[in-house]
Amino acid sequence: MALSGPVRQAPLVMQVSEQFRALIEAGAWPVGAKIPGENQLAGELGVSRGTVREALRSLSLTGLLEPRVGDGTYVRATNEISGVLVRDELSATLTHVLDARAGIEGAAARLAALHYTEQSLAAMEAALVARRSAHETGDLEGYVAADASFHRGIVEASGNPLLLRLYDAVAEVLTESIHETATIPEDPRVRDAHHNLVAAIREGDPELAAQASYALIDSVKQSAVSD
């Protein structure tokens, strides 16, 4: 017997939940922000407060939202993967996160050496310029943002959309590791390691690029220990 498409609309709670999820993914509700209260959301959507409460609860269970008793509900993550990591409070140390970064970024650097374009290479170099500029002005937040952009650029240059999607799924955890290890003034070993990585990719040598990527993470570890 042939299957036929469903005729019923998705449950109202699911529809509301998907709207909230879209706001989170689009950044309209950024990570760390307190979202509007149940009454306000119910009024804007024209649904009951109970429907809003259940929709928020479903997103809290996936780790995207965090209800705080007596305070309100806050955005905790932008996707289920990072939401689970945060929700389950894994006993991952900074070293664990850096090792995970090394695995992802090392694979990406190897592929980037084979598949980079002039545009992707220019994006990496622009991120390094922004990174240096923020460093020179003592702008730590700008420095972290530029560094995160640089590392994502390496993964994007790999040409592997699945690898990029995986990286983006855990980007919040990875960016937090950058924030934890970032210092101004910067350790010269860390600075040089970034430039060495771009040079290796530009040469089109996948093994050298992978080694440079691992060396970069090692320099970050050594800098963190010496601090």
N, C-alpha and C. Protein backbone atom coordinates (compact mmCIF):
# COMPACT_ATOMS: atom_id res chain seq x y z
N MET A 1 0.85 -1.19 0.00
CA MET A 1 0.00 0.00 0.00
C MET A 1 0.89 1.24 0.00
N ALA A 2 0.59 2.18 -0.88
CA ALA A 2 1.39 3.40 -1.00
C ALA A 2 1.12 4.34 0.16
N LEU A 3 2.17 5.03 0.57
CA LEU A 3 2.03 6.02 1.64
C LEU A 3 1.47 7.30 1.07
N SER A 4 0.75 8.02 1.90
CA SER A 4 0.20 9.31 1.48
C SER A 4 0.67 10.38 2.45
N GLY A 5 0.76 11.58 1.97
CA GLY A 5 1.24 12.67 2.80
C GLY A 5 0.27 12.97 3.93
N PRO A 6 0.79 13.46 5.05
CA PRO A 6 -0.08 13.80 6.19
C PRO A 6 -0.99 14.97 5.83
N VAL A 7 -2.18 14.93 6.42
CA VAL A 7 -3.15 15.99 6.14
C VAL A 7 -3.27 16.96 7.31
N ARG A 8 -2.80 16.55 8.46
CA ARG A 8 -2.91 17.41 9.62
C ARG A 8 -1.71 18.35 9.71
N GLN A 9 -1.97 19.53 10.20
CA GLN A 9 -0.88 20.46 10.43
C GLN A 9 -0.08 20.01 11.65
N ALA A 10 1.15 20.50 11.74
CA ALA A 10 1.97 20.17 12.91
C ALA A 10 1.29 20.74 14.15
N PRO A 11 1.43 20.06 15.30
CA PRO A 11 0.84 20.56 16.54
C PRO A 11 1.26 22.01 16.80
N LEU A 12 0.38 22.75 17.43
CA LEU A 12 0.63 24.17 17.67
C LEU A 12 1.91 24.39 18.46
N VAL A 13 2.13 23.54 19.47
CA VAL A 13 3.34 23.68 20.29
C VAL A 13 4.58 23.54 19.42
N MET A 14 4.53 22.60 18.48
CA MET A 14 5.68 22.38 17.60
C MET A 14 5.91 23.58 16.70
N GLN A 15 4.82 24.17 16.19
CA GLN A 15 4.94 25.34 15.33
C GLN A 15 5.56 26.51 16.09
N VAL A 16 5.12 26.71 17.33
CA VAL A 16 5.66 27.80 18.15
C VAL A 16 7.13 27.53 18.48
N SER A 17 7.43 26.27 18.81
CA SER A 17 8.80 25.89 19.13
C SER A 17 9.73 26.16 17.95
N GLU A 18 9.27 25.85 16.74
CA GLU A 18 10.10 26.07 15.55
C GLU A 18 10.33 27.56 15.30
N GLN A 19 9.34 28.39 15.63
CA GLN A 19 9.53 29.84 15.50
C GLN A 19 10.60 30.33 16.46
N PHE A 20 10.55 29.81 17.68
CA PHE A 20 11.56 30.20 18.67
C PHE A 20 12.94 29.71 18.24
N ARG A 21 13.00 28.50 17.71
CA ARG A 21 14.27 27.95 17.26
C ARG A 21 14.86 28.82 16.14
N ALA A 22 13.99 29.27 15.24
CA ALA A 22 14.44 30.12 14.13
C ALA A 22 15.00 31.44 14.64
N LEU A 23 14.39 32.00 15.68
CA LEU A 23 14.89 33.24 16.26
C LEU A 23 16.28 33.04 16.87
N ILE A 24 16.49 31.88 17.48
CA ILE A 24 17.80 31.57 18.07
C ILE A 24 18.84 31.39 16.98
N GLU A 25 18.51 30.61 15.96
CA GLU A 25 19.46 30.33 14.89
C GLU A 25 19.83 31.60 14.11
N ALA A 26 18.86 32.52 13.99
CA ALA A 26 19.11 33.75 13.24
C ALA A 26 19.86 34.80 14.07
N GLY A 27 19.98 34.54 15.37
CA GLY A 27 20.67 35.49 16.23
C GLY A 27 19.79 36.58 16.79
N ALA A 28 18.48 36.52 16.48
CA ALA A 28 17.56 37.51 17.04
C ALA A 28 17.47 37.33 18.55
N TRP A 29 17.61 36.07 18.98
CA TRP A 29 17.76 35.75 20.40
C TRP A 29 19.18 35.21 20.56
N PRO A 30 20.16 36.05 20.84
CA PRO A 30 21.56 35.60 20.92
C PRO A 30 21.86 34.80 22.17
N VAL A 31 22.91 34.02 22.10
CA VAL A 31 23.34 33.22 23.25
C VAL A 31 23.64 34.15 24.42
N GLY A 32 23.12 33.79 25.58
CA GLY A 32 23.33 34.58 26.78
C GLY A 32 22.24 35.61 27.04
N ALA A 33 21.37 35.82 26.04
CA ALA A 33 20.32 36.83 26.19
C ALA A 33 19.10 36.26 26.91
N LYS A 34 18.41 37.12 27.62
CA LYS A 34 17.15 36.76 28.26
C LYS A 34 16.04 36.99 27.26
N ILE A 35 15.20 35.99 27.04
CA ILE A 35 14.13 36.12 26.06
C ILE A 35 12.90 36.74 26.71
N PRO A 36 11.94 37.22 25.91
CA PRO A 36 10.72 37.81 26.47
C PRO A 36 9.96 36.79 27.33
N GLY A 37 9.13 37.30 28.24
CA GLY A 37 8.37 36.44 29.13
C GLY A 37 7.24 35.71 28.41
N GLU A 38 6.69 34.72 29.08
CA GLU A 38 5.63 33.89 28.49
C GLU A 38 4.42 34.72 28.09
N ASN A 39 4.02 35.67 28.95
CA ASN A 39 2.84 36.48 28.64
C ASN A 39 3.04 37.30 27.38
N GLN A 40 4.20 37.91 27.26
CA GLN A 40 4.49 38.73 26.07
C GLN A 40 4.51 37.87 24.82
N LEU A 41 5.16 36.72 24.88
CA LEU A 41 5.25 35.84 23.72
C LEU A 41 3.88 35.31 23.33
N ALA A 42 3.08 34.97 24.33
CA ALA A 42 1.74 34.46 24.04
C ALA A 42 0.90 35.53 23.36
N GLY A 43 1.04 36.78 23.84
CA GLY A 43 0.29 37.87 23.23
C GLY A 43 0.71 38.15 21.81
N GLU A 44 2.01 38.12 21.55
CA GLU A 44 2.51 38.39 20.21
C GLU A 44 2.11 37.30 19.22
N LEU A 45 2.04 36.06 19.70
CA LEU A 45 1.72 34.95 18.82
C LEU A 45 0.23 34.65 18.74
N GLY A 46 -0.52 35.17 19.69
CA GLY A 46 -1.95 34.89 19.71
C GLY A 46 -2.26 33.47 20.13
N VAL A 47 -1.44 32.92 21.03
CA VAL A 47 -1.67 31.57 21.54
C VAL A 47 -1.74 31.63 23.06
N SER A 48 -2.07 30.51 23.66
CA SER A 48 -2.17 30.48 25.12
C SER A 48 -0.80 30.48 25.76
N ARG A 49 -0.76 30.88 27.02
CA ARG A 49 0.50 30.86 27.76
C ARG A 49 0.99 29.43 27.93
N GLY A 50 0.07 28.49 28.05
CA GLY A 50 0.45 27.08 28.19
C GLY A 50 1.17 26.57 26.96
N THR A 51 0.72 27.01 25.79
CA THR A 51 1.38 26.60 24.55
C THR A 51 2.81 27.12 24.51
N VAL A 52 2.98 28.39 24.87
CA VAL A 52 4.31 28.99 24.91
C VAL A 52 5.19 28.25 25.91
N ARG A 53 4.62 27.94 27.08
CA ARG A 53 5.40 27.27 28.12
C ARG A 53 5.91 25.91 27.64
N GLU A 54 5.05 25.16 26.96
CA GLU A 54 5.46 23.85 26.46
C GLU A 54 6.50 23.96 25.35
N ALA A 55 6.36 24.98 24.51
CA ALA A 55 7.34 25.19 23.44
C ALA A 55 8.70 25.53 24.04
N LEU A 56 8.71 26.39 25.05
CA LEU A 56 9.96 26.75 25.71
C LEU A 56 10.56 25.55 26.43
N ARG A 57 9.69 24.74 27.01
CA ARG A 57 10.17 23.56 27.72
C ARG A 57 10.86 22.59 26.76
N SER A 58 10.30 22.42 25.57
CA SER A 58 10.89 21.49 24.61
C SER A 58 12.29 21.95 24.20
N LEU A 59 12.48 23.26 24.08
CA LEU A 59 13.80 23.78 23.71
C LEU A 59 14.76 23.75 24.89
N SER A 60 14.22 23.81 26.09
CA SER A 60 15.07 23.68 27.27
C SER A 60 15.61 22.27 27.40
N LEU A 61 14.79 21.29 27.03
CA LEU A 61 15.21 19.89 27.11
C LEU A 61 16.35 19.59 26.13
N THR A 62 16.38 20.30 25.01
CA THR A 62 17.46 20.09 24.04
C THR A 62 18.70 20.92 24.36
N GLY A 63 18.60 21.78 25.38
CA GLY A 63 19.75 22.58 25.78
C GLY A 63 19.84 23.94 25.13
N LEU A 64 18.87 24.29 24.26
CA LEU A 64 18.93 25.59 23.60
C LEU A 64 18.58 26.73 24.55
N LEU A 65 17.67 26.46 25.49
CA LEU A 65 17.24 27.47 26.45
C LEU A 65 17.54 27.00 27.87
N GLU A 66 17.66 27.96 28.77
CA GLU A 66 17.91 27.66 30.17
C GLU A 66 16.96 28.47 31.05
N PRO A 67 15.96 27.82 31.65
CA PRO A 67 15.08 28.55 32.56
C PRO A 67 15.77 28.77 33.91
N ARG A 68 15.64 29.97 34.42
CA ARG A 68 16.23 30.29 35.72
C ARG A 68 15.11 30.73 36.65
N VAL A 69 14.93 30.00 37.70
CA VAL A 69 13.83 30.25 38.63
C VAL A 69 13.91 31.67 39.18
N GLY A 70 12.79 32.38 39.06
CA GLY A 70 12.72 33.74 39.58
C GLY A 70 13.39 34.78 38.72
N ASP A 71 13.94 34.37 37.59
CA ASP A 71 14.66 35.32 36.75
C ASP A 71 14.11 35.36 35.32
N GLY A 72 13.89 34.20 34.71
CA GLY A 72 13.41 34.15 33.34
C GLY A 72 14.11 33.05 32.57
N THR A 73 14.04 33.11 31.27
CA THR A 73 14.63 32.09 30.41
C THR A 73 15.70 32.72 29.52
N TYR A 74 16.84 32.04 29.44
CA TYR A 74 17.98 32.56 28.70
C TYR A 74 18.39 31.60 27.58
N VAL A 75 18.96 32.17 26.53
CA VAL A 75 19.45 31.35 25.41
C VAL A 75 20.79 30.76 25.81
N ARG A 76 20.89 29.44 25.68
CA ARG A 76 22.10 28.73 26.12
C ARG A 76 22.96 28.26 24.95
N ALA A 77 22.34 27.94 23.81
CA ALA A 77 23.08 27.44 22.65
C ALA A 77 22.24 27.68 21.41
N THR A 78 22.88 27.57 20.24
CA THR A 78 22.17 27.82 18.99
C THR A 78 21.76 26.55 18.26
N ASN A 79 22.22 25.40 18.73
CA ASN A 79 21.86 24.14 18.09
C ASN A 79 21.90 23.02 19.10
N GLU A 80 21.33 21.88 18.74
CA GLU A 80 21.19 20.78 19.69
C GLU A 80 22.52 20.17 20.11
N ILE A 81 23.50 20.14 19.20
CA ILE A 81 24.78 19.51 19.56
C ILE A 81 25.48 20.30 20.65
N SER A 82 25.65 21.60 20.43
CA SER A 82 26.29 22.40 21.47
C SER A 82 25.38 22.50 22.69
N GLY A 83 24.07 22.43 22.47
CA GLY A 83 23.13 22.45 23.58
C GLY A 83 23.31 21.26 24.49
N VAL A 84 23.51 20.09 23.90
CA VAL A 84 23.73 18.87 24.69
C VAL A 84 25.04 18.98 25.47
N LEU A 85 26.08 19.51 24.83
CA LEU A 85 27.36 19.65 25.50
C LEU A 85 27.25 20.54 26.72
N VAL A 86 26.51 21.62 26.58
CA VAL A 86 26.34 22.55 27.70
C VAL A 86 25.40 21.97 28.74
N ARG A 87 24.28 21.38 28.28
CA ARG A 87 23.26 20.87 29.19
C ARG A 87 23.79 19.77 30.08
N ASP A 88 24.58 18.85 29.48
CA ASP A 88 25.06 17.71 30.23
C ASP A 88 26.27 18.02 31.09
N GLU A 89 26.79 19.23 30.97
CA GLU A 89 27.92 19.67 31.78
C GLU A 89 29.02 18.61 31.78
N LEU A 90 29.47 18.26 30.57
CA LEU A 90 30.51 17.26 30.44
C LEU A 90 31.77 17.72 31.15
N SER A 91 32.49 16.76 31.70
CA SER A 91 33.71 17.09 32.45
C SER A 91 34.87 17.29 31.48
N ALA A 92 34.64 18.08 30.44
CA ALA A 92 35.68 18.33 29.45
C ALA A 92 36.56 19.48 29.92
N THR A 93 37.83 19.21 30.03
CA THR A 93 38.78 20.25 30.41
C THR A 93 39.14 21.06 29.18
N LEU A 94 39.87 22.14 29.41
CA LEU A 94 40.33 22.95 28.29
C LEU A 94 41.21 22.12 27.37
N THR A 95 42.01 21.24 27.94
CA THR A 95 42.86 20.36 27.13
C THR A 95 42.02 19.47 26.23
N HIS A 96 40.91 18.94 26.76
CA HIS A 96 40.02 18.11 25.96
C HIS A 96 39.49 18.89 24.75
N VAL A 97 39.07 20.12 25.00
CA VAL A 97 38.52 20.93 23.92
C VAL A 97 39.59 21.26 22.89
N LEU A 98 40.78 21.59 23.35
CA LEU A 98 41.87 21.89 22.42
C LEU A 98 42.25 20.67 21.59
N ASP A 99 42.23 19.49 22.21
CA ASP A 99 42.52 18.27 21.47
C ASP A 99 41.45 18.00 20.40
N ALA A 100 40.19 18.29 20.76
CA ALA A 100 39.10 18.12 19.78
C ALA A 100 39.27 19.12 18.64
N ARG A 101 39.64 20.35 18.98
CA ARG A 101 39.91 21.35 17.95
C ARG A 101 41.03 20.90 17.02
N ALA A 102 42.08 20.31 17.60
CA ALA A 102 43.22 19.87 16.81
C ALA A 102 42.79 18.83 15.78
N GLY A 103 41.89 17.92 16.20
CA GLY A 103 41.43 16.90 15.29
C GLY A 103 40.64 17.48 14.13
N ILE A 104 39.70 18.36 14.44
CA ILE A 104 38.86 18.96 13.40
C ILE A 104 39.67 19.89 12.50
N GLU A 105 40.45 20.77 13.13
CA GLU A 105 41.18 21.78 12.36
C GLU A 105 42.35 21.17 11.59
N GLY A 106 42.95 20.10 12.15
CA GLY A 106 44.03 19.44 11.43
C GLY A 106 43.52 18.82 10.14
N ALA A 107 42.36 18.15 10.22
CA ALA A 107 41.75 17.56 9.02
C ALA A 107 41.37 18.65 8.03
N ALA A 108 40.84 19.75 8.56
CA ALA A 108 40.43 20.85 7.68
C ALA A 108 41.63 21.48 6.99
N ALA A 109 42.73 21.67 7.73
CA ALA A 109 43.92 22.28 7.14
C ALA A 109 44.48 21.40 6.02
N ARG A 110 44.47 20.09 6.23
CA ARG A 110 44.96 19.16 5.21
C ARG A 110 44.16 19.33 3.91
N LEU A 111 42.84 19.42 4.04
CA LEU A 111 41.97 19.57 2.88
C LEU A 111 42.09 20.98 2.28
N ALA A 112 42.26 21.96 3.16
CA ALA A 112 42.37 23.35 2.69
C ALA A 112 43.58 23.53 1.78
N ALA A 113 44.65 22.83 2.08
CA ALA A 113 45.86 22.93 1.25
C ALA A 113 45.60 22.42 -0.16
N LEU A 114 44.63 21.54 -0.30
CA LEU A 114 44.30 20.98 -1.61
C LEU A 114 43.20 21.75 -2.34
N HIS A 115 42.32 22.37 -1.56
CA HIS A 115 41.12 22.94 -2.17
C HIS A 115 40.92 24.44 -1.96
N TYR A 116 41.87 25.12 -1.34
CA TYR A 116 41.66 26.54 -1.06
C TYR A 116 41.53 27.33 -2.37
N THR A 117 40.83 28.44 -2.27
CA THR A 117 40.71 29.37 -3.39
C THR A 117 41.39 30.68 -2.99
N GLU A 118 41.62 31.54 -3.94
CA GLU A 118 42.22 32.84 -3.62
C GLU A 118 41.31 33.62 -2.68
N GLN A 119 40.01 33.42 -2.85
CA GLN A 119 39.05 34.11 -1.98
C GLN A 119 39.15 33.60 -0.54
N SER A 120 39.23 32.28 -0.36
CA SER A 120 39.31 31.73 0.99
C SER A 120 40.64 32.09 1.63
N LEU A 121 41.70 32.11 0.84
CA LEU A 121 43.01 32.49 1.37
C LEU A 121 43.00 33.96 1.80
N ALA A 122 42.36 34.79 1.00
CA ALA A 122 42.26 36.21 1.34
C ALA A 122 41.47 36.41 2.62
N ALA A 123 40.45 35.57 2.83
CA ALA A 123 39.63 35.67 4.04
C ALA A 123 40.47 35.32 5.27
N MET A 124 41.32 34.30 5.17
CA MET A 124 42.20 33.93 6.28
C MET A 124 43.16 35.08 6.60
N GLU A 125 43.73 35.65 5.57
CA GLU A 125 44.69 36.74 5.77
C GLU A 125 44.01 37.99 6.34
N ALA A 126 42.77 38.22 5.90
CA ALA A 126 42.02 39.37 6.44
C ALA A 126 41.73 39.16 7.92
N ALA A 127 41.44 37.91 8.30
CA ALA A 127 41.19 37.61 9.71
C ALA A 127 42.45 37.83 10.53
N LEU A 128 43.61 37.50 9.97
CA LEU A 128 44.87 37.73 10.67
C LEU A 128 45.14 39.23 10.83
N VAL A 129 44.80 40.00 9.82
CA VAL A 129 44.96 41.46 9.91
C VAL A 129 44.06 42.02 11.00
N ALA A 130 42.80 41.56 11.04
CA ALA A 130 41.85 42.01 12.07
C ALA A 130 42.32 41.59 13.46
N ARG A 131 42.89 40.42 13.51
CA ARG A 131 43.41 39.87 14.77
C ARG A 131 44.55 40.75 15.29
N ARG A 132 45.48 41.10 14.39
CA ARG A 132 46.62 41.92 14.77
C ARG A 132 46.17 43.33 15.18
N SER A 133 45.20 43.86 14.44
CA SER A 133 44.70 45.19 14.74
C SER A 133 44.06 45.24 16.12
N ALA A 134 43.26 44.22 16.43
CA ALA A 134 42.62 44.17 17.75
C ALA A 134 43.67 44.01 18.84
N HIS A 135 44.69 43.25 18.55
CA HIS A 135 45.77 43.05 19.52
C HIS A 135 46.48 44.36 19.81
N GLU A 136 46.75 45.12 18.76
CA GLU A 136 47.48 46.38 18.90
C GLU A 136 46.69 47.42 19.69
N THR A 137 45.37 47.36 19.61
CA THR A 137 44.52 48.31 20.34
C THR A 137 44.07 47.77 21.70
N GLY A 138 44.48 46.55 22.03
CA GLY A 138 44.09 45.97 23.31
C GLY A 138 42.65 45.54 23.37
N ASP A 139 42.05 45.32 22.21
CA ASP A 139 40.64 44.92 22.14
C ASP A 139 40.55 43.39 22.22
N LEU A 140 40.41 42.87 23.43
CA LEU A 140 40.42 41.42 23.62
C LEU A 140 39.23 40.75 22.94
N GLU A 141 38.04 41.34 23.05
CA GLU A 141 36.86 40.74 22.43
C GLU A 141 37.01 40.72 20.90
N GLY A 142 37.53 41.81 20.34
CA GLY A 142 37.75 41.85 18.91
C GLY A 142 38.81 40.85 18.47
N TYR A 143 39.81 40.68 19.31
CA TYR A 143 40.89 39.72 19.05
C TYR A 143 40.33 38.30 19.03
N VAL A 144 39.49 37.97 19.99
CA VAL A 144 38.88 36.63 20.06
C VAL A 144 37.98 36.39 18.85
N ALA A 145 37.18 37.41 18.49
CA ALA A 145 36.27 37.28 17.35
C ALA A 145 37.05 37.06 16.06
N ALA A 146 38.13 37.80 15.89
CA ALA A 146 38.94 37.66 14.67
C ALA A 146 39.63 36.31 14.63
N ASP A 147 40.08 35.84 15.79
CA ASP A 147 40.74 34.54 15.86
C ASP A 147 39.75 33.42 15.53
N ALA A 148 38.54 33.54 16.07
CA ALA A 148 37.51 32.54 15.78
C ALA A 148 37.18 32.54 14.29
N SER A 149 37.13 33.73 13.69
CA SER A 149 36.86 33.85 12.26
C SER A 149 37.97 33.20 11.44
N PHE A 150 39.21 33.36 11.89
CA PHE A 150 40.35 32.76 11.21
C PHE A 150 40.23 31.24 11.19
N HIS A 151 39.96 30.66 12.36
CA HIS A 151 39.90 29.20 12.45
C HIS A 151 38.72 28.63 11.67
N ARG A 152 37.60 29.35 11.68
CA ARG A 152 36.46 28.89 10.87
C ARG A 152 36.81 28.99 9.39
N GLY A 153 37.59 30.01 9.04
CA GLY A 153 37.99 30.18 7.65
C GLY A 153 38.81 29.01 7.14
N ILE A 154 39.63 28.42 8.02
CA ILE A 154 40.42 27.25 7.64
C ILE A 154 39.48 26.10 7.29
N VAL A 155 38.47 25.90 8.15
CA VAL A 155 37.52 24.80 7.93
C VAL A 155 36.70 25.06 6.66
N GLU A 156 36.31 26.30 6.46
CA GLU A 156 35.55 26.63 5.25
C GLU A 156 36.38 26.40 4.00
N ALA A 157 37.68 26.69 4.08
CA ALA A 157 38.56 26.50 2.93
C ALA A 157 38.77 25.04 2.58
N SER A 158 38.42 24.15 3.52
CA SER A 158 38.59 22.71 3.26
C SER A 158 37.71 22.24 2.12
N GLY A 159 36.62 22.97 1.88
CA GLY A 159 35.70 22.58 0.82
C GLY A 159 34.79 21.43 1.19
N ASN A 160 34.82 21.05 2.47
CA ASN A 160 33.98 19.94 2.96
C ASN A 160 32.81 20.51 3.75
N PRO A 161 31.61 20.53 3.18
CA PRO A 161 30.47 21.14 3.86
C PRO A 161 30.08 20.41 5.14
N LEU A 162 30.30 19.11 5.19
CA LEU A 162 29.96 18.36 6.40
C LEU A 162 30.91 18.72 7.54
N LEU A 163 32.18 18.88 7.22
CA LEU A 163 33.16 19.28 8.23
C LEU A 163 32.85 20.68 8.76
N LEU A 164 32.43 21.57 7.87
CA LEU A 164 32.07 22.93 8.28
C LEU A 164 30.83 22.91 9.16
N ARG A 165 29.88 22.06 8.80
CA ARG A 165 28.66 21.99 9.61
C ARG A 165 28.96 21.44 10.99
N LEU A 166 29.84 20.46 11.06
CA LEU A 166 30.25 19.90 12.35
C LEU A 166 30.95 20.97 13.18
N TYR A 167 31.82 21.72 12.54
CA TYR A 167 32.55 22.78 13.24
C TYR A 167 31.57 23.83 13.78
N ASP A 168 30.63 24.24 12.95
CA ASP A 168 29.65 25.25 13.37
C ASP A 168 28.78 24.74 14.51
N ALA A 169 28.53 23.42 14.51
CA ALA A 169 27.66 22.85 15.54
C ALA A 169 28.28 22.96 16.93
N VAL A 170 29.60 22.94 16.99
CA VAL A 170 30.28 23.03 18.28
C VAL A 170 31.07 24.34 18.41
N ALA A 171 30.75 25.29 17.55
CA ALA A 171 31.51 26.55 17.50
C ALA A 171 31.51 27.29 18.83
N GLU A 172 30.40 27.23 19.55
CA GLU A 172 30.33 27.96 20.82
C GLU A 172 31.34 27.43 21.82
N VAL A 173 31.47 26.10 21.87
CA VAL A 173 32.43 25.49 22.78
C VAL A 173 33.86 25.82 22.33
N LEU A 174 34.11 25.76 21.02
CA LEU A 174 35.44 26.04 20.50
C LEU A 174 35.82 27.50 20.71
N THR A 175 34.88 28.41 20.47
CA THR A 175 35.15 29.83 20.66
C THR A 175 35.44 30.14 22.12
N GLU A 176 34.75 29.43 23.01
CA GLU A 176 35.01 29.62 24.44
C GLU A 176 36.45 29.23 24.78
N SER A 177 36.96 28.20 24.11
CA SER A 177 38.36 27.80 24.35
C SER A 177 39.31 28.89 23.88
N ILE A 178 38.96 29.57 22.81
CA ILE A 178 39.78 30.69 22.32
C ILE A 178 39.77 31.81 23.36
N HIS A 179 38.59 32.06 23.90
CA HIS A 179 38.45 33.12 24.89
C HIS A 179 39.27 32.79 26.14
N GLU A 180 39.27 31.53 26.53
CA GLU A 180 39.99 31.13 27.73
C GLU A 180 41.51 31.21 27.58
N THR A 181 41.99 31.06 26.36
CA THR A 181 43.44 31.04 26.14
C THR A 181 43.99 32.34 25.56
N ALA A 182 43.10 33.24 25.15
CA ALA A 182 43.56 34.49 24.52
C ALA A 182 44.19 35.43 25.55
N THR A 183 45.31 36.00 25.19
CA THR A 183 45.97 36.96 26.06
C THR A 183 46.52 38.11 25.22
N ILE A 184 46.51 39.27 25.81
CA ILE A 184 47.15 40.45 25.21
C ILE A 184 48.11 41.00 26.27
N PRO A 185 49.42 41.06 26.02
CA PRO A 185 50.07 40.75 24.75
C PRO A 185 50.05 39.26 24.43
N GLU A 186 50.10 38.97 23.15
CA GLU A 186 50.04 37.59 22.68
C GLU A 186 51.40 36.92 22.75
N ASP A 187 51.38 35.63 23.04
CA ASP A 187 52.61 34.84 23.01
C ASP A 187 53.11 34.80 21.56
N PRO A 188 54.35 35.20 21.30
CA PRO A 188 54.88 35.20 19.92
C PRO A 188 54.78 33.82 19.25
N ARG A 189 54.84 32.74 20.04
CA ARG A 189 54.72 31.41 19.46
C ARG A 189 53.35 31.19 18.84
N VAL A 190 52.35 31.72 19.49
CA VAL A 190 50.98 31.58 18.98
C VAL A 190 50.80 32.42 17.72
N ARG A 191 51.32 33.64 17.75
CA ARG A 191 51.23 34.52 16.57
C ARG A 191 51.90 33.87 15.37
N ASP A 192 53.13 33.40 15.57
CA ASP A 192 53.88 32.81 14.46
C ASP A 192 53.20 31.54 13.93
N ALA A 193 52.60 30.78 14.82
CA ALA A 193 51.95 29.53 14.41
C ALA A 193 50.78 29.80 13.47
N HIS A 194 50.06 30.89 13.69
CA HIS A 194 48.95 31.25 12.80
C HIS A 194 49.47 31.56 11.39
N HIS A 195 50.54 32.33 11.33
CA HIS A 195 51.09 32.70 10.02
C HIS A 195 51.71 31.48 9.33
N ASN A 196 52.32 30.59 10.11
CA ASN A 196 52.90 29.38 9.53
C ASN A 196 51.82 28.50 8.91
N LEU A 197 50.66 28.46 9.54
CA LEU A 197 49.56 27.65 9.03
C LEU A 197 49.08 28.17 7.68
N VAL A 198 48.91 29.48 7.57
CA VAL A 198 48.48 30.06 6.30
C VAL A 198 49.53 29.81 5.22
N ALA A 199 50.80 29.93 5.58
CA ALA A 199 51.87 29.71 4.61
C ALA A 199 51.86 28.27 4.11
N ALA A 200 51.60 27.32 5.00
CA ALA A 200 51.57 25.91 4.61
C ALA A 200 50.40 25.62 3.68
N ILE A 201 49.27 26.23 3.96
CA ILE A 201 48.10 26.04 3.09
C ILE A 201 48.38 26.66 1.73
N ARG A 202 48.97 27.83 1.72
CA ARG A 202 49.28 28.51 0.47
C ARG A 202 50.22 27.67 -0.40
N GLU A 203 51.12 26.93 0.22
CA GLU A 203 52.06 26.09 -0.52
C GLU A 203 51.37 24.86 -1.13
N GLY A 204 50.16 24.58 -0.66
CA GLY A 204 49.43 23.45 -1.21
C GLY A 204 49.96 22.10 -0.75
N ASP A 205 50.61 22.09 0.43
CA ASP A 205 51.16 20.85 0.98
C ASP A 205 50.26 20.36 2.11
N PRO A 206 49.44 19.33 1.88
CA PRO A 206 48.48 18.89 2.89
C PRO A 206 49.12 18.39 4.19
N GLU A 207 50.24 17.67 4.09
CA GLU A 207 50.89 17.15 5.29
C GLU A 207 51.49 18.30 6.11
N LEU A 208 52.12 19.24 5.42
CA LEU A 208 52.70 20.39 6.11
C LEU A 208 51.61 21.23 6.77
N ALA A 209 50.47 21.38 6.08
CA ALA A 209 49.36 22.16 6.63
C ALA A 209 48.79 21.50 7.88
N ALA A 210 48.64 20.18 7.83
CA ALA A 210 48.12 19.45 8.99
C ALA A 210 49.08 19.60 10.17
N GLN A 211 50.38 19.46 9.90
CA GLN A 211 51.38 19.60 10.95
C GLN A 211 51.37 21.01 11.54
N ALA A 212 51.20 22.00 10.67
CA ALA A 212 51.16 23.40 11.14
C ALA A 212 49.94 23.65 12.00
N SER A 213 48.82 22.99 11.65
CA SER A 213 47.60 23.15 12.44
C SER A 213 47.77 22.55 13.83
N TYR A 214 48.36 21.35 13.89
CA TYR A 214 48.61 20.72 15.20
C TYR A 214 49.62 21.54 16.00
N ALA A 215 50.61 22.08 15.31
CA ALA A 215 51.62 22.90 15.99
C ALA A 215 50.99 24.16 16.59
N LEU A 216 50.00 24.70 15.89
CA LEU A 216 49.31 25.89 16.39
C LEU A 216 48.61 25.58 17.72
N ILE A 217 47.88 24.47 17.75
CA ILE A 217 47.19 24.10 18.99
C ILE A 217 48.20 23.83 20.10
N ASP A 218 49.32 23.19 19.76
CA ASP A 218 50.36 22.95 20.76
C ASP A 218 50.90 24.25 21.32
N SER A 219 51.06 25.26 20.46
CA SER A 219 51.56 26.55 20.93
C SER A 219 50.57 27.20 21.88
N VAL A 220 49.27 27.02 21.59
CA VAL A 220 48.24 27.56 22.48
C VAL A 220 48.30 26.86 23.84
N LYS A 221 48.47 25.54 23.83
CA LYS A 221 48.57 24.79 25.08
C LYS A 221 49.77 25.26 25.90
N GLN A 222 50.91 25.40 25.23
CA GLN A 222 52.13 25.81 25.93
C GLN A 222 51.99 27.21 26.50
N SER A 223 51.33 28.08 25.74
CA SER A 223 51.11 29.45 26.21
C SER A 223 50.19 29.47 27.43
N ALA A 224 49.15 28.62 27.37
CA ALA A 224 48.19 28.57 28.47
C ALA A 224 48.86 28.06 29.75
N VAL A 225 49.75 27.08 29.60
CA VAL A 225 50.46 26.52 30.76
C VAL A 225 51.41 27.54 31.35
N SER A 226 52.13 28.27 30.49
CA SER A 226 53.11 29.25 30.98
C SER A 226 52.44 30.43 31.65
N ASP A 227 51.16 30.69 31.27
CA ASP A 227 50.44 31.80 31.91
C ASP A 227 50.02 31.39 33.32
